[in-house]
Amino acid sequence: MTDTQAHTVRIGSMVGDGIGHEIVPATMRVVDAAAQAEHFTVDWVELDLGRDAIDSHGSPVPQPTLDALASLPAWILGPHDSASYPEPFRSQLTPGGVVRKTFDLFANIRPALAHAGVRAVSPKMDLVVVRENTEGFYADRNMHVGSGEFMPTPDVALAVGVLTRTACERIAREAFTLARARRKHVTIVHKANVLSLTTGLFRDVCRSVAEDFPDVVVDEEHVDALTAHLVRRGQDFDVVVAENMFGDILSDLAGELSGSLGMAPSLNSSSTKAMAQAAHGSAPDIAGKNRANPTALFLSAAMLLDWLAVHGQGAKPAQAAHRIRRAVGDTLESGVATADLGGRASTSEFTETVLARTLRV
């Protein structure tokens, strides 16, 4: 038996909607090439999700898909366009939300790295936003039954924000552990001067966790001040840890400052499962036109491979992840880019260039 035959990694794949039908297959090809170069194989488990699943199964997230995901350690999720779904699905929890909630993917890791060859507002930015992914003010995540938003009268709308010590502590530990592998600097984000109980709890729990990481430098920022600091001196930040809504907004800002939100990767994870999902949406206006930028999902897949390496799959997936990041960086630096970055490459042309560079020794 060859080394390639001996080492197989199982990964789920869901194309989702819109440009997902282009960028997910492209990502699978790039991952396969990187795996081949590092002498292992990927066993792809392709699963139904999104509008196609409504037509074929009567649900955007069929039970067979959830059952299959339960047997897999990791998967790739394409973007979804739930706003275009027919009712009642349009008003329900999004497919990505269903998957995150079902498997308690509490950590949303969102790097923002400026690449040579891509014009960026913050050309030296290299940070990671570590976002708590299960609580906060998002109505689809903070209730066991029903919505966190409600209207006691037609003219009054209320929202419940939920933060718990347990959730704050586990996301803080993710942030500090990640910082140890980077530049050993964590910035705690809060708004405790106004939201003193909720984000005050988040701040205080992060401070407590910091005591277990004496080698990591810790500072704090109010979320509104941090938005200005990211624009002016984004290169000064390393790992930024935030509750759900703050983390969502800050990571989108950082993604755009470092080049383009279309390049922003993302990993959703628990201690036992992980999902690669680009930060951008399904872009229905360009779907099927071979114009989509697959960079974000390529880099998200690399994060997934790194996660697999840490969680019992050996060093080879991490080596494959390094190949993908290097190939994407070299491609962008060479001037090959899609239209959203000012280039002329199609999705397929960009993918072929990355594939060729992935296979280089």
Protein backbone atom coordinates (compact mmCIF):
# COMPACT_ATOMS: atom_id res chain seq x y z
CA MET A 1 0.00 0.00 0.00
CA THR A 2 1.39 3.42 -0.97
CA ASP A 3 1.59 6.37 1.38
CA THR A 4 -1.16 8.07 -0.62
CA GLN A 5 -3.48 5.10 -0.20
CA ALA A 6 -2.66 4.78 3.47
CA HIS A 7 -3.66 8.34 4.42
CA THR A 8 -7.15 9.49 3.49
CA VAL A 9 -8.99 12.46 4.99
CA ARG A 10 -12.79 12.64 4.78
CA ILE A 11 -14.26 16.10 4.21
CA GLY A 12 -17.86 17.07 3.54
CA SER A 13 -18.75 19.46 0.73
CA MET A 14 -21.89 21.59 0.24
CA VAL A 15 -22.02 23.96 -2.74
CA GLY A 16 -24.87 26.09 -1.40
CA ASP A 17 -26.26 28.78 -3.72
CA GLY A 18 -25.13 31.33 -6.28
CA ILE A 19 -21.40 31.40 -6.87
CA GLY A 20 -21.05 28.41 -4.55
CA HIS A 21 -21.62 26.23 -7.61
CA GLU A 22 -18.36 27.63 -9.04
CA ILE A 23 -16.09 28.30 -6.07
CA VAL A 24 -16.76 25.09 -4.12
CA PRO A 25 -15.77 22.73 -6.98
CA ALA A 26 -12.76 24.96 -7.64
CA THR A 27 -11.77 24.71 -3.98
CA MET A 28 -12.11 20.94 -4.01
CA ARG A 29 -9.75 20.77 -7.00
CA VAL A 30 -7.17 22.95 -5.23
CA VAL A 31 -7.39 20.89 -2.04
CA ASP A 32 -7.03 17.68 -4.07
CA ALA A 33 -3.93 19.08 -5.78
CA ALA A 34 -2.35 20.09 -2.47
CA ALA A 35 -3.16 16.68 -0.98
CA GLN A 36 -1.65 14.92 -3.99
CA ALA A 37 1.53 16.95 -3.61
CA GLU A 38 1.76 15.95 0.06
CA HIS A 39 0.96 12.28 -0.62
CA PHE A 40 -2.51 11.86 0.83
CA THR A 41 -6.03 11.83 -0.58
CA VAL A 42 -9.30 13.51 0.28
CA ASP A 43 -12.49 11.49 0.32
CA TRP A 44 -15.14 14.10 -0.52
CA VAL A 45 -18.64 13.52 0.81
CA GLU A 46 -20.90 15.74 -1.30
CA LEU A 47 -24.09 16.79 0.48
CA ASP A 48 -27.25 18.70 -0.44
CA LEU A 49 -27.86 22.14 1.03
CA GLY A 50 -29.55 25.33 -0.12
CA ARG A 51 -32.12 26.07 -2.81
CA ASP A 52 -31.40 22.85 -4.69
CA ALA A 53 -32.09 20.93 -1.49
CA ILE A 54 -35.47 22.64 -1.15
CA ASP A 55 -36.38 21.37 -4.60
CA SER A 56 -35.06 17.84 -4.00
CA HIS A 57 -35.75 17.30 -0.28
CA GLY A 58 -38.28 19.94 0.74
CA SER A 59 -35.78 21.62 3.08
CA PRO A 60 -32.66 23.78 2.62
CA VAL A 61 -30.88 21.63 5.22
CA PRO A 62 -32.17 18.06 4.84
CA GLN A 63 -31.87 15.66 7.75
CA PRO A 64 -29.67 13.28 5.70
CA THR A 65 -27.18 16.14 5.31
CA LEU A 66 -27.08 16.75 9.07
CA ASP A 67 -26.75 13.02 9.72
CA ALA A 68 -23.79 12.81 7.33
CA LEU A 69 -22.13 15.88 8.86
CA ALA A 70 -22.40 14.26 12.29
CA SER A 71 -20.13 11.47 11.03
CA LEU A 72 -17.51 13.84 9.57
CA PRO A 73 -14.88 15.91 11.38
CA ALA A 74 -14.79 18.72 8.82
CA TRP A 75 -16.58 20.16 5.83
CA ILE A 76 -16.69 23.04 3.35
CA LEU A 77 -19.83 25.16 3.04
CA GLY A 78 -20.51 27.35 0.03
CA PRO A 79 -22.44 30.63 0.40
CA HIS A 80 -26.21 30.55 0.65
CA ASP A 81 -28.88 32.97 -0.53
CA SER A 82 -31.68 32.39 1.96
CA ALA A 83 -33.25 35.77 1.15
CA SER A 84 -34.35 34.31 -2.20
CA TYR A 85 -35.90 31.15 -0.73
CA PRO A 86 -39.67 30.75 -0.80
CA GLU A 87 -41.55 31.00 2.48
CA PRO A 88 -41.51 29.56 5.06
CA PHE A 89 -37.78 28.90 4.49
CA ARG A 90 -36.91 32.56 3.90
CA SER A 91 -37.97 33.46 7.45
CA GLN A 92 -36.27 30.51 9.10
CA LEU A 93 -32.74 30.13 10.40
CA THR A 94 -30.25 30.26 7.51
CA PRO A 95 -28.61 27.00 6.36
CA GLY A 96 -25.27 28.09 7.77
CA GLY A 97 -26.97 29.01 11.03
CA VAL A 98 -28.63 25.61 11.25
CA VAL A 99 -25.30 23.85 10.77
CA ARG A 100 -23.45 26.09 13.25
CA LYS A 101 -26.16 25.69 15.88
CA THR A 102 -26.58 21.94 15.39
CA PHE A 103 -22.88 21.28 15.93
CA ASP A 104 -22.16 24.12 18.40
CA LEU A 105 -19.48 25.68 16.21
CA PHE A 106 -18.74 28.32 18.82
CA ALA A 107 -15.53 29.81 17.39
CA ASN A 108 -15.49 31.89 14.23
CA ILE A 109 -11.87 32.53 13.23
CA ARG A 110 -11.47 35.27 10.62
CA PRO A 111 -7.96 36.27 9.46
CA ALA A 112 -7.32 39.53 7.64
CA LEU A 113 -4.00 39.46 5.79
CA ALA A 114 -2.88 41.95 3.16
CA HIS A 115 -1.35 40.26 0.10
CA ALA A 116 1.37 41.60 -2.15
CA GLY A 117 -0.13 42.51 -5.50
CA VAL A 118 -3.50 43.50 -4.02
CA ARG A 119 -4.19 47.14 -3.27
CA ALA A 120 -5.13 47.50 0.40
CA VAL A 121 -6.06 50.39 2.69
CA SER A 122 -3.93 48.72 5.37
CA PRO A 123 -1.13 47.05 3.36
CA LYS A 124 0.69 45.68 6.43
CA MET A 125 -2.37 44.21 8.14
CA ASP A 126 -1.99 40.68 9.51
CA LEU A 127 -4.51 40.03 12.24
CA VAL A 128 -7.15 37.49 13.24
CA VAL A 129 -10.57 38.29 14.65
CA VAL A 130 -11.71 35.54 17.02
CA ARG A 131 -15.47 35.89 17.22
CA GLU A 132 -17.83 34.18 19.67
CA ASN A 133 -20.30 32.45 17.36
CA THR A 134 -23.30 31.32 19.44
CA GLU A 135 -24.62 34.21 21.56
CA GLY A 136 -24.93 37.99 21.60
CA PHE A 137 -27.74 39.95 19.97
CA TYR A 138 -28.23 37.69 16.95
CA ALA A 139 -31.78 36.42 17.19
CA ASP A 140 -31.08 33.14 15.42
CA ARG A 141 -28.42 32.09 17.93
CA ASN A 142 -29.41 33.13 21.42
CA MET A 143 -32.66 31.23 22.03
CA HIS A 144 -33.34 27.50 22.43
CA VAL A 145 -36.90 28.02 21.12
CA GLY A 146 -38.13 30.99 19.14
CA SER A 147 -36.42 34.23 18.21
CA GLY A 148 -34.44 36.67 20.29
CA GLU A 149 -36.38 39.47 18.60
CA PHE A 150 -39.98 40.26 19.45
CA MET A 151 -42.57 43.05 19.14
CA PRO A 152 -44.92 43.66 22.07
CA THR A 153 -46.75 46.19 19.87
CA PRO A 154 -46.50 46.97 16.14
CA ASP A 155 -44.48 50.06 17.01
CA VAL A 156 -41.98 48.56 19.48
CA ALA A 157 -39.25 46.05 18.61
CA LEU A 158 -37.02 44.46 21.24
CA ALA A 159 -34.01 42.17 21.10
CA VAL A 160 -32.46 39.96 23.77
CA GLY A 161 -28.68 39.81 23.97
CA VAL A 162 -27.27 36.77 25.73
CA LEU A 163 -23.72 36.36 27.04
CA THR A 164 -22.74 33.53 29.36
CA ARG A 165 -19.56 32.98 31.32
CA THR A 166 -19.07 29.57 29.71
CA ALA A 167 -19.23 30.88 26.16
CA CYS A 168 -17.03 33.87 26.95
CA GLU A 169 -14.40 31.66 28.55
CA ARG A 170 -14.16 29.14 25.74
CA ILE A 171 -13.80 31.79 23.03
CA ALA A 172 -11.20 33.63 25.13
CA ARG A 173 -9.15 30.43 25.40
CA GLU A 174 -9.33 29.99 21.63
CA ALA A 175 -8.01 33.53 21.18
CA PHE A 176 -5.15 33.23 23.65
CA THR A 177 -4.12 29.82 22.35
CA LEU A 178 -4.03 31.21 18.81
CA ALA A 179 -2.02 34.23 19.94
CA ARG A 180 0.66 31.95 21.35
CA ALA A 181 1.20 30.59 17.84
CA ARG A 182 1.36 34.10 16.36
CA ARG A 183 2.78 37.33 17.84
CA LYS A 184 1.52 36.80 21.41
CA HIS A 185 -0.80 39.80 21.55
CA VAL A 186 -4.55 39.77 22.29
CA THR A 187 -6.89 42.76 22.14
CA ILE A 188 -10.13 42.35 24.11
CA VAL A 189 -13.05 44.19 22.53
CA HIS A 190 -16.04 45.39 24.56
CA LYS A 191 -18.39 48.31 25.16
CA ALA A 192 -18.48 48.04 28.93
CA ASN A 193 -18.87 51.80 29.37
CA VAL A 194 -22.42 51.40 28.01
CA LEU A 195 -23.24 47.66 27.99
CA SER A 196 -21.69 47.21 31.40
CA LEU A 197 -23.27 43.88 32.36
CA THR A 198 -23.13 42.00 29.05
CA THR A 199 -19.91 43.14 27.41
CA GLY A 200 -18.55 43.84 30.88
CA LEU A 201 -18.91 40.12 31.58
CA PHE A 202 -17.13 39.36 28.31
CA ARG A 203 -14.26 41.69 29.21
CA ASP A 204 -13.90 40.36 32.74
CA VAL A 205 -13.91 36.71 31.68
CA CYS A 206 -11.26 37.43 29.02
CA ARG A 207 -9.15 39.17 31.66
CA SER A 208 -9.44 36.11 33.88
CA VAL A 209 -8.42 33.72 31.09
CA ALA A 210 -5.47 35.98 30.30
CA GLU A 211 -3.96 35.07 33.69
CA ASP A 212 -3.36 31.55 32.33
CA PHE A 213 -1.32 32.99 29.44
CA PRO A 214 1.33 35.19 31.09
CA ASP A 215 3.44 35.16 27.94
CA VAL A 216 0.72 36.93 25.93
CA VAL A 217 0.43 40.72 25.94
CA VAL A 218 -3.14 41.87 26.59
CA ASP A 219 -4.86 45.18 25.93
CA GLU A 220 -8.46 46.34 25.60
CA GLU A 221 -10.42 48.57 23.24
CA HIS A 222 -13.95 49.90 23.11
CA VAL A 223 -15.43 48.63 19.87
CA ASP A 224 -16.08 52.09 18.43
CA ALA A 225 -12.52 53.22 19.12
CA LEU A 226 -11.14 50.03 17.60
CA THR A 227 -12.87 50.69 14.28
CA ALA A 228 -10.87 53.91 13.99
CA HIS A 229 -7.64 52.24 15.11
CA LEU A 230 -8.01 49.47 12.53
CA VAL A 231 -8.26 52.06 9.76
CA ARG A 232 -5.32 54.13 11.01
CA ARG A 233 -2.95 51.44 12.28
CA GLY A 234 -4.29 48.02 11.45
CA GLN A 235 -0.78 46.57 11.39
CA ASP A 236 -0.51 47.01 15.17
CA PHE A 237 -3.06 44.31 16.00
CA ASP A 238 -2.53 40.56 16.22
CA VAL A 239 -5.49 38.62 17.69
CA VAL A 240 -8.72 40.47 18.38
CA VAL A 241 -11.32 38.66 20.51
CA ALA A 242 -14.92 39.86 20.47
CA GLU A 243 -18.49 38.84 21.17
CA ASN A 244 -20.68 37.84 18.25
CA MET A 245 -21.96 41.06 16.70
CA PHE A 246 -18.84 43.13 17.37
CA GLY A 247 -16.71 40.35 15.92
CA ASP A 248 -18.86 40.13 12.81
CA ILE A 249 -18.61 43.85 12.08
CA LEU A 250 -14.92 44.16 12.92
CA SER A 251 -13.93 41.16 10.81
CA ASP A 252 -15.78 42.53 7.77
CA LEU A 253 -14.03 45.87 8.27
CA ALA A 254 -10.64 44.21 8.62
CA GLY A 255 -11.28 42.06 5.55
CA GLU A 256 -11.97 45.12 3.42
CA LEU A 257 -9.03 47.07 4.87
CA SER A 258 -6.65 44.22 4.04
CA GLY A 259 -7.76 44.06 0.40
CA SER A 260 -11.32 42.89 -0.17
CA LEU A 261 -14.11 41.16 1.71
CA GLY A 262 -14.16 38.81 -1.29
CA MET A 263 -10.79 37.49 -0.09
CA ALA A 264 -11.73 37.07 3.57
CA PRO A 265 -11.53 33.46 4.82
CA SER A 266 -13.35 32.06 7.82
CA LEU A 267 -13.41 28.92 9.92
CA ASN A 268 -16.26 27.91 12.25
CA SER A 269 -15.23 25.31 14.79
CA SER A 270 -15.87 23.46 18.02
CA SER A 271 -13.45 21.18 19.80
CA THR A 272 -14.46 18.27 17.55
CA LYS A 273 -15.73 19.68 14.23
CA ALA A 274 -14.88 22.49 11.83
CA MET A 275 -16.46 24.16 8.82
CA ALA A 276 -14.70 26.27 6.19
CA GLN A 277 -16.94 29.09 5.00
CA ALA A 278 -15.93 32.27 3.18
CA ALA A 279 -17.04 35.49 4.86
CA HIS A 280 -18.73 36.79 1.70
CA GLY A 281 -22.17 35.98 0.31
CA SER A 282 -23.54 34.13 -2.71
CA ALA A 283 -23.28 37.07 -5.19
CA PRO A 284 -26.30 36.04 -7.30
CA ASP A 285 -25.65 38.91 -9.73
CA ILE A 286 -22.50 37.20 -11.05
CA ALA A 287 -23.44 33.56 -10.42
CA GLY A 288 -22.77 31.33 -13.42
CA LYS A 289 -20.72 34.00 -15.22
CA ASN A 290 -17.24 32.65 -14.33
CA ARG A 291 -16.40 35.93 -12.60
CA ALA A 292 -16.38 34.98 -8.92
CA ASN A 293 -13.25 35.32 -6.80
CA PRO A 294 -12.56 31.93 -5.13
CA THR A 295 -9.71 33.24 -2.96
CA ALA A 296 -11.67 33.41 0.29
CA LEU A 297 -12.84 29.81 0.06
CA PHE A 298 -9.38 28.59 -1.00
CA LEU A 299 -7.92 30.19 2.13
CA SER A 300 -10.82 28.95 4.28
CA ALA A 301 -10.07 25.42 3.07
CA ALA A 302 -6.43 25.90 4.04
CA MET A 303 -7.59 26.83 7.55
CA LEU A 304 -9.69 23.66 7.60
CA LEU A 305 -6.65 21.57 6.68
CA ASP A 306 -4.66 23.20 9.47
CA TRP A 307 -7.47 22.39 11.90
CA LEU A 308 -7.47 18.76 10.77
CA ALA A 309 -3.72 18.55 11.33
CA VAL A 310 -4.11 19.79 14.90
CA HIS A 311 -7.03 17.42 15.52
CA GLY A 312 -5.43 14.08 14.85
CA GLN A 313 -4.82 13.93 11.08
CA GLY A 314 -1.05 14.31 11.20
CA ALA A 315 1.24 16.86 9.59
CA LYS A 316 0.31 16.32 5.94
CA PRO A 317 -2.88 18.43 5.90
CA ALA A 318 -0.95 21.35 7.42
CA GLN A 319 1.70 20.98 4.71
CA ALA A 320 -1.07 21.02 2.10
CA ALA A 321 -2.53 24.14 3.72
CA HIS A 322 0.85 25.85 3.44
CA ARG A 323 0.96 24.96 -0.28
CA ILE A 324 -2.45 26.50 -0.87
CA ARG A 325 -1.63 29.74 0.94
CA ARG A 326 1.68 30.03 -0.87
CA ALA A 327 0.04 29.35 -4.25
CA VAL A 328 -2.69 31.94 -3.65
CA GLY A 329 -0.16 34.52 -2.47
CA ASP A 330 2.18 33.91 -5.42
CA THR A 331 -0.73 34.11 -7.86
CA LEU A 332 -1.94 37.43 -6.50
CA GLU A 333 1.59 38.84 -6.35
CA SER A 334 2.10 37.89 -10.01
CA GLY A 335 -0.84 40.10 -11.00
CA VAL A 336 -3.33 37.34 -11.79
CA ALA A 337 -6.58 38.47 -10.19
CA THR A 338 -10.33 38.46 -10.72
CA ALA A 339 -12.34 41.54 -11.66
CA ASP A 340 -13.24 42.50 -8.09
CA LEU A 341 -9.52 43.03 -7.46
CA GLY A 342 -9.00 44.98 -10.67
CA GLY A 343 -7.78 42.00 -12.67
CA ARG A 344 -9.03 40.24 -15.79
CA ALA A 345 -8.86 36.59 -14.78
CA SER A 346 -12.01 34.50 -14.76
CA THR A 347 -12.78 32.14 -11.91
CA SER A 348 -11.48 29.21 -13.93
CA GLU A 349 -8.32 31.04 -15.06
CA PHE A 350 -7.51 32.10 -11.51
CA THR A 351 -8.13 28.55 -10.30
CA GLU A 352 -5.89 27.00 -12.95
CA THR A 353 -3.06 29.36 -12.00
CA VAL A 354 -3.41 28.51 -8.31
CA LEU A 355 -3.56 24.80 -9.16
CA ALA A 356 -0.31 24.96 -11.11
CA ARG A 357 1.44 26.79 -8.30
CA THR A 358 0.04 24.39 -5.69
CA LEU A 359 1.77 21.47 -7.40
CA ARG A 360 5.19 23.16 -7.47
CA VAL A 361 7.84 21.71 -5.20
